[in-house]
Amino acid sequence: MKIIAPLYHHLKNEYDITVLALTIAQPFMSKSGIPYVGFNDFECIKTNESITFGRELVKNIPNDNVVSIAESISYLGASFSDLVTELGCVKLAHEKFIEEGRACLLPTRSLTKIIKQLDIDLVVTTNSPRAERAALIAAKALQIPSICINDNLGFFGGLLDIVENNLATKICVLSETLKGIVLNHSNLSSTDVVVTGSPVFDSLKEQCRTNFSTAKPKVLLADDDLPKTHLRFKGVIAQNENIDIEVREELNRLAKEGKIEVVFRPHPNRVYNYDAYEYCEISKPVEDLNAVLAKVDLVVTANSTVGLEGKCLGLGLVSIEKTVYSTLESYAGYGLATGIIEASELWGAIKIEYSKLNDGRSVELYNGKAVDNIARVIKELLTL
């Protein structure tokens, strides 16, 4: 949603754009002043059977008035109907849905019908795993060019499947390092993978800083729970399950010694008792994040997107490694941060990142503005 919205506004005067907004994306598009269509707008995907399926499935969804019931019925009904067609019978589809939930829905048949009706020349998606992946599969089958914009640094989630199966004509990624990883895991050519950046970060890049603290480093901890095991990837185990607590304690000690100034920023869905860290300032999630980032020099985090936002502003980044989140992918692994495994390594890593700022050696995620970069990729495909 946050990728497509700025891209739409950038391109709307040049192209005839149809935005297919799925369920919870619809209120966001409305607030962003973007016209859209949903599954409920396409009679071609509605059957008596799909509507029956949809009405049954929405019974288990709380009516929060965010998404219309009609849209939920159409989306879930068409998606489940596609699953029935894929598996060959309703019984198997129900069993799979009970076991996997919405993750098993891949409405390729429905997206094929929608794309045909719209008679479009190009499909642009992010790497979300259900309807957007289905749109890429449909576009490929229809021999329509497509662009997949990776929504973050993540690769081993939705993007891996897309590149392994050559589902998109062009892949737009956030950084040169990620481009290299994509090329190593696919038979794509270098021209098929383009470092464009993400429209999500364009506004931050415009505020990129060049002046930093001269007395001592000012550090922001983008804090979150770092569990022993990963909920999604079985077998992924953290090397140090207490690293989150140890990092807080070490940052508090460094602040007490006067080596650094520290701000703790908890994840919006977490509530922590920071009373023991008397030398650290606390930033509550309601406080504007940009205002917080504007007064620090570097970010310490395991996997928070605050780290990327800091990089867009020109800040340093220290990443906590060997957690359940960084085992597969990490900021240090992407060449964007100085990594640590033990809390005792923090001071050394902070000094390294701080010196990069003063020497002008901070790594830039991508050049220019992502909306301009992606617009060039679109123009290239439409003029082939």
Protein backbone atom coordinates (compact mmCIF):
# COMPACT_ATOMS: atom_id res chain seq x y z
CA MET A 1 0.00 0.00 0.00
CA LYS A 2 2.68 2.46 1.04
CA ILE A 3 4.69 1.61 -2.06
CA ILE A 4 1.84 1.87 -4.55
CA ALA A 5 0.33 5.12 -3.21
CA PRO A 6 3.28 7.48 -3.93
CA LEU A 7 3.97 5.64 -7.19
CA TYR A 8 0.38 6.22 -8.33
CA HIS A 9 0.53 9.94 -7.62
CA HIS A 10 3.84 10.16 -9.49
CA LEU A 11 2.53 8.39 -12.60
CA LYS A 12 -1.19 9.24 -12.76
CA ASN A 13 -0.81 12.07 -15.29
CA GLU A 14 1.24 9.93 -17.65
CA TYR A 15 -0.60 6.61 -17.66
CA ASP A 16 -4.12 5.21 -17.33
CA ILE A 17 -3.74 3.37 -14.04
CA THR A 18 -6.13 0.94 -12.39
CA VAL A 19 -5.34 0.21 -8.74
CA LEU A 20 -6.71 -3.12 -7.53
CA ALA A 21 -6.98 -2.62 -3.77
CA LEU A 22 -7.61 -5.77 -1.78
CA THR A 23 -9.63 -5.69 1.44
CA ILE A 24 -7.74 -3.61 4.04
CA ALA A 25 -5.88 -1.67 1.33
CA GLN A 26 -9.14 0.02 0.35
CA PRO A 27 -9.47 2.39 3.35
CA PHE A 28 -5.80 3.33 2.92
CA MET A 29 -6.29 4.18 -0.76
CA SER A 30 -9.37 6.23 0.08
CA LYS A 31 -7.42 8.28 2.63
CA SER A 32 -4.63 8.73 0.08
CA GLY A 33 -7.05 10.12 -2.52
CA ILE A 34 -6.52 7.20 -4.89
CA PRO A 35 -9.40 5.72 -6.94
CA TYR A 36 -9.44 1.93 -6.84
CA VAL A 37 -11.37 -1.19 -7.70
CA GLY A 38 -11.83 -4.35 -5.67
CA PHE A 39 -12.87 -7.94 -6.29
CA ASN A 40 -16.49 -6.93 -5.79
CA ASP A 41 -16.32 -4.71 -8.87
CA PHE A 42 -15.78 -7.65 -11.24
CA GLU A 43 -18.79 -9.74 -12.17
CA CYS A 44 -16.52 -12.01 -14.20
CA ILE A 45 -15.20 -13.68 -11.05
CA LYS A 46 -18.56 -14.09 -9.30
CA THR A 47 -20.54 -17.32 -9.40
CA ASN A 48 -23.32 -18.65 -7.20
CA GLU A 49 -20.78 -21.07 -5.78
CA SER A 50 -18.15 -18.40 -5.02
CA ILE A 51 -20.72 -16.14 -3.33
CA THR A 52 -21.86 -19.08 -1.18
CA PHE A 53 -18.26 -19.81 -0.21
CA GLY A 54 -17.67 -16.14 0.58
CA ARG A 55 -20.74 -15.80 2.79
CA GLU A 56 -19.67 -18.85 4.76
CA LEU A 57 -16.10 -17.64 5.23
CA VAL A 58 -16.99 -14.10 6.37
CA LYS A 59 -18.91 -15.56 9.31
CA ASN A 60 -15.55 -16.09 11.02
CA ILE A 61 -14.34 -12.52 10.41
CA PRO A 62 -15.09 -9.77 12.96
CA ASN A 63 -17.19 -7.02 11.38
CA ASP A 64 -14.97 -4.00 12.12
CA ASN A 65 -16.46 -1.90 9.30
CA VAL A 66 -12.96 -1.35 7.86
CA VAL A 67 -13.69 -3.55 4.85
CA SER A 68 -17.17 -3.89 3.37
CA ILE A 69 -18.88 -7.25 3.78
CA ALA A 70 -19.54 -7.34 0.04
CA GLU A 71 -15.82 -6.97 -0.75
CA SER A 72 -14.87 -9.65 1.79
CA ILE A 73 -17.45 -12.04 0.33
CA SER A 74 -16.22 -11.46 -3.21
CA TYR A 75 -12.52 -11.72 -2.36
CA LEU A 76 -12.73 -14.75 -0.08
CA GLY A 77 -15.36 -16.45 -2.23
CA ALA A 78 -13.44 -16.09 -5.49
CA SER A 79 -10.15 -17.07 -3.81
CA PHE A 80 -11.65 -20.16 -2.19
CA SER A 81 -13.39 -21.10 -5.43
CA ASP A 82 -9.99 -20.98 -7.14
CA LEU A 83 -8.61 -23.25 -4.41
CA VAL A 84 -11.43 -25.75 -5.00
CA THR A 85 -10.61 -25.77 -8.72
CA GLU A 86 -6.91 -26.24 -7.94
CA LEU A 87 -7.42 -29.18 -5.55
CA GLY A 88 -10.36 -30.77 -7.36
CA CYS A 89 -12.95 -30.85 -4.58
CA VAL A 90 -14.50 -28.75 -1.81
CA LYS A 91 -13.52 -31.21 0.94
CA LEU A 92 -9.77 -30.89 0.23
CA ALA A 93 -10.07 -27.12 -0.05
CA HIS A 94 -11.80 -26.87 3.33
CA GLU A 95 -9.16 -29.06 4.96
CA LYS A 96 -6.35 -26.96 3.53
CA PHE A 97 -8.03 -23.71 4.58
CA ILE A 98 -8.58 -24.99 8.11
CA GLU A 99 -4.92 -26.00 8.37
CA GLU A 100 -3.29 -22.97 6.70
CA GLY A 101 -5.87 -20.18 6.79
CA ARG A 102 -5.68 -17.43 4.17
CA ALA A 103 -2.05 -18.31 3.43
CA CYS A 104 -3.30 -21.11 1.16
CA LEU A 105 -5.32 -18.76 -1.05
CA LEU A 106 -3.79 -17.97 -4.44
CA PRO A 107 -6.55 -16.57 -6.70
CA THR A 108 -4.74 -17.01 -10.00
CA ARG A 109 -7.86 -17.89 -12.03
CA SER A 110 -9.68 -14.84 -10.71
CA LEU A 111 -6.75 -12.50 -11.36
CA THR A 112 -6.47 -13.88 -14.89
CA LYS A 113 -10.11 -12.95 -15.55
CA ILE A 114 -9.64 -9.49 -14.01
CA ILE A 115 -6.49 -8.76 -16.02
CA LYS A 116 -8.20 -9.87 -19.22
CA GLN A 117 -11.21 -7.65 -18.54
CA LEU A 118 -9.03 -4.62 -17.80
CA ASP A 119 -7.04 -5.22 -21.02
CA ILE A 120 -3.87 -3.87 -19.45
CA ASP A 121 -0.35 -3.53 -20.84
CA LEU A 122 1.65 -3.94 -17.61
CA VAL A 123 1.21 -5.41 -14.13
CA VAL A 124 2.99 -3.79 -11.18
CA THR A 125 2.94 -5.47 -7.76
CA THR A 126 4.94 -5.81 -4.56
CA ASN A 127 6.06 -9.23 -3.35
CA SER A 128 3.05 -10.00 -1.15
CA PRO A 129 2.41 -13.74 -1.22
CA ARG A 130 -1.24 -14.16 -2.23
CA ALA A 131 -3.20 -12.01 -4.69
CA GLU A 132 -0.14 -10.06 -5.86
CA ARG A 133 1.79 -13.25 -6.54
CA ALA A 134 -1.31 -14.59 -8.31
CA ALA A 135 -1.35 -11.46 -10.48
CA LEU A 136 2.27 -12.11 -11.50
CA ILE A 137 1.47 -15.74 -12.37
CA ALA A 138 -1.55 -14.62 -14.41
CA ALA A 139 0.42 -11.90 -16.22
CA LYS A 140 3.15 -14.39 -17.16
CA ALA A 141 0.59 -16.86 -18.52
CA LEU A 142 -1.02 -14.05 -20.53
CA GLN A 143 2.40 -12.89 -21.78
CA ILE A 144 1.92 -9.46 -20.23
CA PRO A 145 5.08 -7.80 -18.84
CA SER A 146 5.23 -7.31 -15.08
CA ILE A 147 7.25 -5.57 -12.38
CA CYS A 148 7.66 -6.81 -8.82
CA ILE A 149 8.79 -4.16 -6.31
CA ASN A 150 10.40 -5.77 -3.28
CA ASP A 151 8.81 -4.16 -0.25
CA ASN A 152 11.87 -4.25 1.99
CA LEU A 153 15.26 -5.92 2.30
CA GLY A 154 13.64 -9.31 2.84
CA PHE A 155 14.43 -11.98 0.26
CA PHE A 156 13.76 -15.41 1.75
CA GLY A 157 10.07 -14.62 2.17
CA GLY A 158 7.91 -13.74 -0.82
CA LEU A 159 10.64 -12.63 -3.22
CA LEU A 160 12.54 -15.94 -3.30
CA ASP A 161 9.62 -17.80 -4.85
CA ILE A 162 9.05 -15.04 -7.40
CA VAL A 163 12.63 -15.01 -8.69
CA GLU A 164 13.07 -18.81 -8.61
CA ASN A 165 10.00 -19.20 -10.80
CA ASN A 166 10.73 -16.18 -13.02
CA LEU A 167 7.29 -14.75 -12.29
CA ALA A 168 8.16 -11.10 -13.01
CA THR A 169 9.75 -9.48 -16.04
CA LYS A 170 11.64 -7.00 -13.86
CA ILE A 171 12.48 -7.09 -10.15
CA CYS A 172 12.96 -3.76 -8.36
CA VAL A 173 15.07 -3.98 -5.20
CA LEU A 174 16.26 -1.70 -2.44
CA SER A 175 20.04 -2.02 -2.66
CA GLU A 176 22.98 -3.35 -4.69
CA THR A 177 23.62 -6.08 -2.11
CA LEU A 178 20.07 -7.39 -2.42
CA LYS A 179 20.41 -7.35 -6.21
CA GLY A 180 23.45 -9.60 -5.89
CA ILE A 181 21.52 -12.03 -3.68
CA VAL A 182 18.64 -12.14 -6.17
CA LEU A 183 21.02 -12.88 -9.04
CA ASN A 184 22.73 -15.64 -7.04
CA HIS A 185 19.39 -17.40 -6.46
CA SER A 186 17.99 -17.15 -9.97
CA ASN A 187 18.82 -17.33 -13.66
CA LEU A 188 17.83 -13.69 -14.13
CA SER A 189 20.20 -11.37 -15.93
CA SER A 190 21.64 -8.27 -14.33
CA THR A 191 19.33 -6.09 -16.44
CA ASP A 192 16.27 -7.93 -15.07
CA VAL A 193 17.03 -6.84 -11.49
CA VAL A 194 17.09 -3.08 -10.97
CA VAL A 195 18.16 -1.15 -7.88
CA THR A 196 15.36 1.40 -7.64
CA GLY A 197 14.85 1.78 -3.93
CA SER A 198 11.39 1.97 -2.41
CA PRO A 199 8.92 4.88 -2.61
CA VAL A 200 8.32 4.33 1.11
CA PHE A 201 11.72 5.85 1.85
CA ASP A 202 11.84 8.68 -0.70
CA SER A 203 10.57 11.37 1.67
CA LEU A 204 13.19 10.37 4.25
CA LYS A 205 16.02 10.52 1.70
CA GLU A 206 15.09 14.14 0.98
CA GLN A 207 15.86 14.87 4.64
CA CYS A 208 19.26 13.14 4.60
CA ARG A 209 21.56 14.64 7.22
CA THR A 210 25.19 15.64 6.89
CA ASN A 211 25.73 17.17 10.35
CA PHE A 212 26.11 14.90 13.36
CA SER A 213 26.96 15.15 17.05
CA THR A 214 30.52 16.20 17.83
CA ALA A 215 30.64 15.59 21.60
CA LYS A 216 29.46 11.97 21.83
CA PRO A 217 27.35 9.54 19.75
CA LYS A 218 23.60 9.73 20.21
CA VAL A 219 22.12 6.25 19.88
CA LEU A 220 18.54 5.06 19.27
CA LEU A 221 17.67 1.49 20.28
CA ALA A 222 14.75 0.29 18.12
CA ASP A 223 13.70 -2.26 20.71
CA ASP A 224 11.75 -5.50 20.30
CA ASP A 225 11.46 -8.99 21.75
CA LEU A 226 14.11 -11.39 20.47
CA PRO A 227 12.76 -14.89 21.18
CA LYS A 228 14.68 -18.16 21.25
CA THR A 229 12.83 -19.71 18.29
CA HIS A 230 11.13 -18.37 15.15
CA LEU A 231 7.36 -18.70 14.81
CA ARG A 232 7.44 -19.25 11.02
CA PHE A 233 10.77 -20.98 10.39
CA LYS A 234 11.13 -24.15 12.45
CA GLY A 235 14.68 -24.99 13.37
CA VAL A 236 15.80 -21.35 13.43
CA ILE A 237 17.20 -20.79 16.92
CA ALA A 238 18.78 -17.69 18.43
CA GLN A 239 22.39 -18.00 19.55
CA ASN A 240 21.81 -15.79 22.61
CA GLU A 241 18.21 -15.69 23.78
CA ASN A 242 18.96 -12.94 26.33
CA ILE A 243 20.68 -10.57 23.92
CA ASP A 244 17.80 -8.06 23.98
CA ILE A 245 18.11 -7.61 27.75
CA GLU A 246 21.90 -7.56 27.62
CA VAL A 247 21.91 -4.87 24.91
CA ARG A 248 19.66 -2.63 27.02
CA GLU A 249 21.91 -3.11 30.03
CA GLU A 250 25.07 -2.39 28.06
CA LEU A 251 23.65 0.76 26.47
CA ASN A 252 22.57 1.97 29.90
CA ARG A 253 26.10 1.31 31.22
CA LEU A 254 27.72 3.20 28.34
CA ALA A 255 25.37 6.11 28.94
CA LYS A 256 26.17 6.07 32.65
CA GLU A 257 29.88 6.30 31.81
CA GLY A 258 29.18 9.30 29.61
CA LYS A 259 30.36 7.65 26.40
CA ILE A 260 27.03 7.92 24.60
CA GLU A 261 23.51 9.32 24.86
CA VAL A 262 20.75 6.73 24.45
CA VAL A 263 17.08 6.73 23.48
CA PHE A 264 14.99 3.56 23.84
CA ARG A 265 12.13 3.25 21.35
CA PRO A 266 9.92 0.16 21.92
CA HIS A 267 8.08 -1.62 19.13
CA PRO A 268 4.54 -0.16 18.86
CA ASN A 269 3.02 -3.49 19.96
CA ARG A 270 5.28 -3.95 22.98
CA VAL A 271 5.09 -2.60 26.51
CA TYR A 272 8.32 -2.65 28.52
CA ASN A 273 9.27 -1.54 32.00
CA TYR A 274 12.37 0.59 31.48
CA ASP A 275 12.67 1.73 35.11
CA ALA A 276 16.02 -0.04 35.54
CA TYR A 277 17.61 2.01 32.72
CA GLU A 278 17.83 5.37 34.44
CA TYR A 279 20.51 6.77 32.12
CA CYS A 280 18.42 6.23 28.98
CA GLU A 281 15.73 8.47 27.53
CA ILE A 282 12.46 6.75 26.60
CA SER A 283 10.62 7.55 23.37
CA LYS A 284 7.04 6.29 23.38
CA PRO A 285 5.56 4.94 20.13
CA VAL A 286 3.14 7.88 19.96
CA GLU A 287 6.08 10.26 19.54
CA ASP A 288 6.86 11.15 15.92
CA LEU A 289 9.61 8.79 14.78
CA ASN A 290 11.13 11.27 12.34
CA ALA A 291 11.55 13.77 15.17
CA VAL A 292 13.39 11.12 17.19
CA LEU A 293 15.63 10.12 14.30
CA ALA A 294 16.46 13.78 13.70
CA LYS A 295 18.24 14.01 17.05
CA VAL A 296 20.31 10.78 16.97
CA ASP A 297 23.39 9.67 15.04
CA LEU A 298 22.84 5.96 14.72
CA VAL A 299 20.35 3.15 15.29
CA VAL A 300 20.83 -0.14 17.12
CA THR A 301 18.35 -2.87 16.19
CA ALA A 302 17.93 -6.51 15.27
CA ASN A 303 15.39 -6.25 12.47
CA SER A 304 13.29 -3.11 12.83
CA THR A 305 12.57 -1.05 9.70
CA VAL A 306 13.63 1.90 11.83
CA GLY A 307 17.15 0.81 10.89
CA LEU A 308 16.37 1.32 7.19
CA GLU A 309 14.67 4.62 7.88
CA GLY A 310 17.79 5.73 9.70
CA LYS A 311 19.98 4.71 6.74
CA CYS A 312 17.80 6.81 4.42
CA LEU A 313 18.48 9.77 6.70
CA GLY A 314 22.21 9.08 6.52
CA LEU A 315 22.51 7.62 10.04
CA GLY A 316 24.79 4.83 11.18
CA LEU A 317 23.44 1.35 11.91
CA VAL A 318 24.48 -1.37 14.36
CA SER A 319 22.66 -4.67 13.89
CA ILE A 320 22.17 -7.37 16.51
CA GLU A 321 23.15 -10.63 14.80
CA LYS A 322 22.48 -14.33 15.37
CA THR A 323 18.89 -13.66 16.46
CA VAL A 324 16.01 -15.67 15.01
CA TYR A 325 15.41 -12.77 12.64
CA SER A 326 18.96 -12.23 11.43
CA THR A 327 19.77 -15.91 10.91
CA LEU A 328 18.21 -15.80 7.43
CA GLU A 329 18.70 -12.12 6.66
CA SER A 330 20.45 -9.28 8.42
CA TYR A 331 21.45 -5.66 7.94
CA ALA A 332 25.09 -6.58 8.44
CA GLY A 333 24.74 -9.36 5.89
CA TYR A 334 23.47 -6.81 3.39
CA GLY A 335 26.48 -4.59 4.05
CA LEU A 336 24.43 -1.84 5.67
CA ALA A 337 25.50 -2.19 9.30
CA THR A 338 28.22 -3.18 11.72
CA GLY A 339 26.98 -6.38 13.33
CA ILE A 340 27.36 -7.56 16.91
CA ILE A 341 26.77 -10.98 18.46
CA GLU A 342 27.45 -10.07 22.09
CA ALA A 343 26.37 -6.94 23.95
CA SER A 344 29.99 -6.37 24.94
CA GLU A 345 30.73 -5.58 21.28
CA LEU A 346 28.37 -2.59 21.24
CA TRP A 347 30.86 0.15 22.07
CA GLY A 348 33.27 -0.95 19.37
CA ALA A 349 30.49 -1.17 16.76
CA ILE A 350 29.11 2.24 17.76
CA LYS A 351 32.56 3.80 17.35
CA ILE A 352 32.92 2.24 13.88
CA GLU A 353 29.54 3.53 12.67
CA TYR A 354 30.07 6.94 14.27
CA SER A 355 33.43 7.35 12.55
CA LYS A 356 31.82 6.56 9.18
CA LEU A 357 29.44 9.47 9.65
CA ASN A 358 32.21 11.95 10.31
CA ASP A 359 34.32 10.57 7.45
CA GLY A 360 31.42 10.61 4.97
CA ARG A 361 31.59 6.83 4.52
CA SER A 362 27.96 6.03 5.34
CA VAL A 363 26.42 3.56 2.84
CA GLU A 364 23.52 4.93 0.78
CA LEU A 365 20.66 2.50 0.13
CA TYR A 366 19.95 3.69 -3.41
CA ASN A 367 20.56 6.65 -5.68
CA GLY A 368 17.94 9.26 -6.53
CA LYS A 369 14.21 8.85 -5.87
CA ALA A 370 12.55 5.46 -6.08
CA VAL A 371 9.47 6.79 -7.87
CA ASP A 372 11.69 8.18 -10.64
CA ASN A 373 13.74 5.00 -10.82
CA ILE A 374 10.65 2.76 -11.04
CA ALA A 375 9.06 5.10 -13.59
CA ARG A 376 12.06 4.50 -15.86
CA VAL A 377 11.62 0.74 -15.56
CA ILE A 378 7.92 1.09 -16.44
CA LYS A 379 8.68 3.24 -19.46
CA GLU A 380 11.29 0.76 -20.67
CA LEU A 381 8.86 -2.17 -20.55
CA LEU A 382 6.05 -0.24 -22.23
CA THR A 383 8.26 0.82 -25.12
CA LEU A 384 9.69 -2.62 -25.92
